[in-house]
């Protein structure tokens, strides 16, 4: 393992001694870092776009959920109101029916029997 590392270091020293190979190595390393930075930048941009898209989908789903919840609650309140109105109407109808069955006569009159 040390022999492999030594040979790589020796090859690196000989390449560093030559100006043209040093220029190409530095260009390749710089290009590698620039491409890595570009790739990272593109990944960050894609993550931001996906985050915005998922945020919009979340807001749409939340709006539908809120509208549905409000609709269910309003139906429950409407049902309670209709029940109260039905009870009141029944009482009123029973009162009118009771009134219609009573004979109307003046306070000091006698019945015709």
N, C-alpha and C. Protein backbone atom coordinates (compact mmCIF):
# COMPACT_ATOMS: atom_id res chain seq x y z
N UNK A 1 0.82 -1.18 0.00
CA UNK A 1 0.00 0.00 0.00
C UNK A 1 0.87 1.25 0.00
N UNK A 2 1.95 1.22 0.79
CA UNK A 2 2.85 2.38 0.81
C UNK A 2 3.58 2.53 -0.52
N UNK A 3 3.82 1.42 -1.21
CA UNK A 3 4.51 1.51 -2.50
C UNK A 3 3.60 2.19 -3.54
N UNK A 4 2.30 1.92 -3.49
CA UNK A 4 1.36 2.58 -4.41
C UNK A 4 1.29 4.06 -4.13
N UNK A 5 1.22 4.42 -2.85
CA UNK A 5 1.16 5.84 -2.48
C UNK A 5 2.45 6.55 -2.87
N UNK A 6 3.58 5.87 -2.69
CA UNK A 6 4.86 6.46 -3.07
C UNK A 6 4.96 6.69 -4.56
N UNK A 7 4.45 5.76 -5.35
CA UNK A 7 4.52 5.92 -6.81
C UNK A 7 3.61 7.05 -7.27
N UNK A 8 2.46 7.20 -6.61
CA UNK A 8 1.55 8.29 -6.97
C UNK A 8 2.19 9.63 -6.62
N UNK A 9 2.84 9.71 -5.46
CA UNK A 9 3.50 10.96 -5.05
C UNK A 9 4.64 11.28 -6.00
N UNK A 10 5.40 10.26 -6.40
CA UNK A 10 6.51 10.48 -7.33
C UNK A 10 6.00 10.97 -8.68
N UNK A 11 4.87 10.38 -9.16
CA UNK A 11 4.30 10.82 -10.44
C UNK A 11 3.79 12.24 -10.32
N UNK A 12 3.23 12.59 -9.17
CA UNK A 12 2.76 13.95 -8.96
C UNK A 12 3.89 14.96 -8.95
N UNK A 13 5.04 14.58 -8.40
CA UNK A 13 6.19 15.51 -8.36
C UNK A 13 6.77 15.72 -9.76
N UNK A 14 6.81 14.67 -10.54
CA UNK A 14 7.34 14.85 -11.90
C UNK A 14 6.39 15.69 -12.76
N UNK A 15 5.06 15.50 -12.53
CA UNK A 15 4.12 16.33 -13.30
C UNK A 15 4.17 17.78 -12.84
N UNK A 16 4.38 18.01 -11.55
CA UNK A 16 4.43 19.37 -11.03
C UNK A 16 5.68 20.09 -11.53
N UNK A 17 6.72 19.33 -11.86
CA UNK A 17 7.95 19.95 -12.36
C UNK A 17 7.77 20.49 -13.77
N UNK A 18 6.91 19.89 -14.55
CA UNK A 18 6.69 20.34 -15.92
C UNK A 18 5.59 21.40 -15.92
N UNK A 19 5.79 22.51 -16.57
CA UNK A 19 4.87 23.63 -16.58
C UNK A 19 3.58 23.30 -17.34
N UNK A 20 3.69 22.62 -18.47
CA UNK A 20 2.49 22.33 -19.27
C UNK A 20 1.59 21.33 -18.55
N UNK A 21 2.15 20.31 -17.94
CA UNK A 21 1.32 19.34 -17.23
C UNK A 21 0.71 19.99 -15.99
N UNK A 22 1.47 20.88 -15.34
CA UNK A 22 0.92 21.59 -14.18
C UNK A 22 -0.27 22.45 -14.60
N UNK A 23 -0.16 23.10 -15.73
CA UNK A 23 -1.26 23.93 -16.23
C UNK A 23 -2.50 23.08 -16.51
N UNK A 24 -2.32 21.90 -17.14
CA UNK A 24 -3.46 21.03 -17.44
C UNK A 24 -4.08 20.43 -16.17
N UNK A 25 -3.24 20.09 -15.23
CA UNK A 25 -3.76 19.53 -13.96
C UNK A 25 -4.56 20.59 -13.22
N UNK A 26 -4.01 21.80 -13.13
CA UNK A 26 -4.74 22.88 -12.46
C UNK A 26 -6.04 23.21 -13.19
N UNK A 27 -6.01 23.15 -14.51
CA UNK A 27 -7.23 23.40 -15.29
C UNK A 27 -8.27 22.31 -15.02
N UNK A 28 -7.82 21.06 -14.98
CA UNK A 28 -8.74 19.96 -14.72
C UNK A 28 -9.32 20.05 -13.31
N UNK A 29 -8.49 20.38 -12.33
CA UNK A 29 -8.98 20.51 -10.95
C UNK A 29 -9.96 21.67 -10.85
N UNK A 30 -9.64 22.80 -11.47
CA UNK A 30 -10.54 23.96 -11.45
C UNK A 30 -11.86 23.63 -12.13
N UNK A 31 -11.78 22.94 -13.28
CA UNK A 31 -13.00 22.54 -13.98
C UNK A 31 -13.84 21.59 -13.14
N UNK A 32 -13.18 20.66 -12.44
CA UNK A 32 -13.90 19.73 -11.56
C UNK A 32 -14.64 20.50 -10.46
N UNK A 33 -13.97 21.45 -9.83
CA UNK A 33 -14.63 22.22 -8.76
C UNK A 33 -15.75 23.11 -9.29
N UNK A 34 -15.54 23.70 -10.46
CA UNK A 34 -16.59 24.53 -11.05
C UNK A 34 -17.81 23.68 -11.39
N UNK A 35 -17.58 22.51 -11.94
CA UNK A 35 -18.71 21.63 -12.26
C UNK A 35 -19.41 21.15 -10.99
N UNK A 36 -18.66 20.87 -9.95
CA UNK A 36 -19.27 20.47 -8.69
C UNK A 36 -20.10 21.61 -8.11
N UNK A 37 -19.59 22.83 -8.18
CA UNK A 37 -20.35 23.98 -7.69
C UNK A 37 -21.61 24.18 -8.52
N UNK A 38 -21.51 24.01 -9.84
CA UNK A 38 -22.67 24.14 -10.71
C UNK A 38 -23.70 23.07 -10.38
N UNK A 39 -23.24 21.84 -10.17
CA UNK A 39 -24.14 20.74 -9.83
C UNK A 39 -24.85 21.01 -8.51
N UNK A 40 -24.11 21.48 -7.54
CA UNK A 40 -24.72 21.80 -6.25
C UNK A 40 -25.73 22.93 -6.41
N UNK A 41 -25.37 23.92 -7.19
CA UNK A 41 -26.29 25.04 -7.41
C UNK A 41 -27.56 24.57 -8.10
N UNK A 42 -27.42 23.68 -9.07
CA UNK A 42 -28.59 23.14 -9.76
C UNK A 42 -29.44 22.29 -8.81
N UNK A 43 -28.82 21.51 -7.95
CA UNK A 43 -29.58 20.73 -6.97
C UNK A 43 -30.34 21.64 -6.01
N UNK A 44 -29.70 22.71 -5.58
CA UNK A 44 -30.39 23.65 -4.69
C UNK A 44 -31.57 24.32 -5.40
N UNK A 45 -31.37 24.67 -6.66
CA UNK A 45 -32.47 25.28 -7.42
C UNK A 45 -33.62 24.30 -7.61
N UNK A 46 -33.29 23.04 -7.91
CA UNK A 46 -34.35 22.03 -8.09
C UNK A 46 -35.09 21.80 -6.78
N UNK A 47 -34.34 21.75 -5.68
CA UNK A 47 -34.99 21.56 -4.38
C UNK A 47 -35.90 22.74 -4.05
N UNK A 48 -35.47 23.93 -4.38
CA UNK A 48 -36.30 25.11 -4.14
C UNK A 48 -37.58 25.05 -4.99
N UNK A 49 -37.45 24.66 -6.26
CA UNK A 49 -38.63 24.56 -7.12
C UNK A 49 -39.60 23.49 -6.62
N UNK A 50 -39.07 22.33 -6.23
CA UNK A 50 -39.94 21.28 -5.69
C UNK A 50 -40.60 21.73 -4.39
N UNK A 51 -39.85 22.46 -3.57
CA UNK A 51 -40.43 22.98 -2.32
C UNK A 51 -41.58 23.94 -2.59
N UNK A 52 -41.41 24.81 -3.57
CA UNK A 52 -42.48 25.75 -3.93
C UNK A 52 -43.69 24.99 -4.49
N UNK A 53 -43.43 23.99 -5.33
CA UNK A 53 -44.54 23.21 -5.90
C UNK A 53 -45.29 22.46 -4.81
N UNK A 54 -44.59 21.83 -3.89
CA UNK A 54 -45.26 21.12 -2.81
C UNK A 54 -45.97 22.08 -1.88
N UNK A 55 -45.43 23.28 -1.70
CA UNK A 55 -46.10 24.29 -0.89
C UNK A 55 -47.43 24.72 -1.52
N UNK A 56 -47.43 24.89 -2.84
CA UNK A 56 -48.66 25.27 -3.53
C UNK A 56 -49.70 24.15 -3.43
N UNK A 57 -49.27 22.91 -3.61
CA UNK A 57 -50.19 21.77 -3.48
C UNK A 57 -50.73 21.71 -2.06
N UNK A 58 -49.87 21.94 -1.07
CA UNK A 58 -50.32 21.94 0.33
C UNK A 58 -51.36 23.02 0.58
N UNK A 59 -51.15 24.21 0.04
CA UNK A 59 -52.13 25.29 0.23
C UNK A 59 -53.47 24.97 -0.43
N UNK A 60 -53.43 24.35 -1.60
CA UNK A 60 -54.69 23.98 -2.27
C UNK A 60 -55.44 22.93 -1.47
N UNK A 61 -54.72 21.91 -0.99
CA UNK A 61 -55.36 20.87 -0.19
C UNK A 61 -55.89 21.45 1.11
N UNK A 62 -55.13 22.34 1.75
CA UNK A 62 -55.58 22.96 2.99
C UNK A 62 -56.83 23.80 2.75
N UNK A 63 -56.90 24.51 1.63
CA UNK A 63 -58.08 25.31 1.33
C UNK A 63 -59.31 24.41 1.15
N UNK A 64 -59.16 23.29 0.42
CA UNK A 64 -60.27 22.37 0.27
C UNK A 64 -60.71 21.79 1.60
N UNK A 65 -59.75 21.47 2.45
CA UNK A 65 -60.07 20.92 3.76
C UNK A 65 -60.85 21.94 4.61
N UNK A 66 -60.40 23.18 4.59
CA UNK A 66 -61.06 24.22 5.38
C UNK A 66 -62.48 24.46 4.86
N UNK A 67 -62.65 24.51 3.55
CA UNK A 67 -63.98 24.71 2.98
C UNK A 67 -64.90 23.53 3.33
N UNK A 68 -64.38 22.31 3.27
CA UNK A 68 -65.16 21.14 3.62
C UNK A 68 -65.56 21.15 5.09
N UNK A 69 -64.62 21.53 5.96
CA UNK A 69 -64.93 21.59 7.40
C UNK A 69 -65.98 22.65 7.69
N UNK A 70 -65.85 23.80 7.06
CA UNK A 70 -66.85 24.86 7.25
C UNK A 70 -68.22 24.39 6.75
N UNK A 71 -68.25 23.68 5.62
CA UNK A 71 -69.51 23.16 5.08
C UNK A 71 -70.16 22.16 6.03
N UNK A 72 -69.36 21.25 6.61
CA UNK A 72 -69.92 20.28 7.54
C UNK A 72 -70.49 20.97 8.78
N UNK A 73 -69.75 21.92 9.30
CA UNK A 73 -70.23 22.62 10.50
C UNK A 73 -71.48 23.44 10.21
N UNK A 74 -71.53 24.06 9.04
CA UNK A 74 -72.72 24.85 8.71
C UNK A 74 -73.93 23.95 8.52
N UNK A 75 -73.72 22.74 7.96
CA UNK A 75 -74.84 21.81 7.85
C UNK A 75 -75.33 21.38 9.22
N UNK A 76 -74.42 21.18 10.16
CA UNK A 76 -74.82 20.83 11.52
C UNK A 76 -75.61 21.95 12.19
N UNK A 77 -75.15 23.18 12.00
CA UNK A 77 -75.88 24.32 12.57
C UNK A 77 -77.24 24.50 11.90
N UNK A 78 -77.29 24.28 10.60
CA UNK A 78 -78.56 24.39 9.88
C UNK A 78 -79.54 23.33 10.36
N UNK A 79 -79.04 22.13 10.59
CA UNK A 79 -79.91 21.05 11.08
C UNK A 79 -80.48 21.41 12.46
N UNK A 80 -79.66 21.98 13.33
CA UNK A 80 -80.15 22.38 14.66
C UNK A 80 -81.20 23.49 14.53
N UNK A 81 -80.97 24.42 13.62
CA UNK A 81 -81.95 25.49 13.40
C UNK A 81 -83.26 24.97 12.86
N UNK A 82 -83.19 24.02 11.93
CA UNK A 82 -84.40 23.45 11.34
C UNK A 82 -85.17 22.67 12.39
N UNK A 83 -84.47 21.96 13.28
CA UNK A 83 -85.16 21.23 14.34
C UNK A 83 -85.90 22.19 15.27
N UNK A 84 -85.24 23.30 15.64
CA UNK A 84 -85.89 24.28 16.51
C UNK A 84 -87.09 24.89 15.80
N UNK A 85 -86.95 25.19 14.52
CA UNK A 85 -88.05 25.75 13.76
C UNK A 85 -89.20 24.75 13.63
N UNK A 86 -88.88 23.47 13.44
CA UNK A 86 -89.92 22.45 13.33
C UNK A 86 -90.69 22.30 14.64
N UNK A 87 -89.97 22.33 15.77
CA UNK A 87 -90.65 22.24 17.07
C UNK A 87 -91.57 23.44 17.28
N UNK A 88 -91.09 24.61 16.92
CA UNK A 88 -91.90 25.82 17.06
C UNK A 88 -93.13 25.75 16.16
N UNK A 89 -92.95 25.26 14.94
CA UNK A 89 -94.09 25.14 14.01
C UNK A 89 -95.11 24.12 14.53
N UNK A 90 -94.61 23.00 15.07
CA UNK A 90 -95.53 22.01 15.64
C UNK A 90 -96.34 22.58 16.79
N UNK A 91 -95.66 23.33 17.67
CA UNK A 91 -96.38 23.94 18.80
C UNK A 91 -97.42 24.95 18.31
N UNK A 92 -97.03 25.74 17.32
CA UNK A 92 -97.98 26.71 16.77
C UNK A 92 -99.15 26.04 16.10
N UNK A 93 -98.91 24.98 15.35
CA UNK A 93 -99.99 24.26 14.70
C UNK A 93 -100.91 23.61 15.73
N UNK A 94 -100.31 23.06 16.79
CA UNK A 94 -101.13 22.44 17.84
C UNK A 94 -101.97 23.50 18.54
N UNK A 95 -101.40 24.67 18.75
CA UNK A 95 -102.15 25.76 19.38
C UNK A 95 -103.31 26.22 18.51
N UNK A 96 -103.08 26.36 17.22
CA UNK A 96 -104.14 26.78 16.30
C UNK A 96 -105.21 25.70 16.22
N UNK A 97 -104.80 24.43 16.21
CA UNK A 97 -105.77 23.34 16.18
C UNK A 97 -106.62 23.32 17.44
N UNK A 98 -105.98 23.56 18.57
CA UNK A 98 -106.70 23.62 19.84
C UNK A 98 -107.68 24.78 19.83
N UNK A 99 -107.28 25.91 19.30
CA UNK A 99 -108.16 27.08 19.22
C UNK A 99 -109.36 26.81 18.31
N UNK A 100 -109.14 26.09 17.23
CA UNK A 100 -110.23 25.86 16.28
C UNK A 100 -111.28 24.88 16.83
N UNK A 101 -110.91 24.06 17.80
CA UNK A 101 -111.85 23.10 18.35
C UNK A 101 -112.72 23.72 19.46
N UNK A 102 -112.30 24.80 20.01
CA UNK A 102 -113.08 25.43 21.08
C UNK A 102 -114.26 26.19 20.48
N UNK A 103 -115.37 26.14 21.14
CA UNK A 103 -116.52 26.93 20.63
C UNK A 103 -116.35 28.39 21.04
N UNK A 104 -116.66 29.26 20.12
CA UNK A 104 -116.59 30.69 20.42
C UNK A 104 -117.95 31.16 20.93
N UNK A 105 -118.01 31.73 22.09
CA UNK A 105 -119.26 32.33 22.59
C UNK A 105 -118.89 33.51 23.47
N UNK A 106 -119.91 34.35 23.68
CA UNK A 106 -119.68 35.54 24.47
C UNK A 106 -119.66 35.18 25.93
N UNK A 107 -119.05 35.98 26.76
CA UNK A 107 -118.88 35.63 28.18
C UNK A 107 -120.22 35.40 28.91
N UNK A 108 -121.26 36.15 28.63
CA UNK A 108 -122.50 36.00 29.39
C UNK A 108 -123.64 35.36 28.58
N UNK A 109 -123.30 34.63 27.59
CA UNK A 109 -124.34 34.00 26.80
C UNK A 109 -124.56 32.56 27.27
N UNK A 110 -125.69 32.03 26.91
CA UNK A 110 -126.03 30.68 27.30
C UNK A 110 -125.91 29.76 26.09
N UNK A 111 -125.66 28.54 26.35
CA UNK A 111 -125.53 27.61 25.24
C UNK A 111 -126.92 27.26 24.72
N UNK A 112 -127.04 26.80 23.48
CA UNK A 112 -128.32 26.54 22.84
C UNK A 112 -128.81 25.13 23.12
N UNK A 113 -128.29 24.38 23.93
CA UNK A 113 -128.72 23.00 24.16
C UNK A 113 -130.08 22.93 24.62
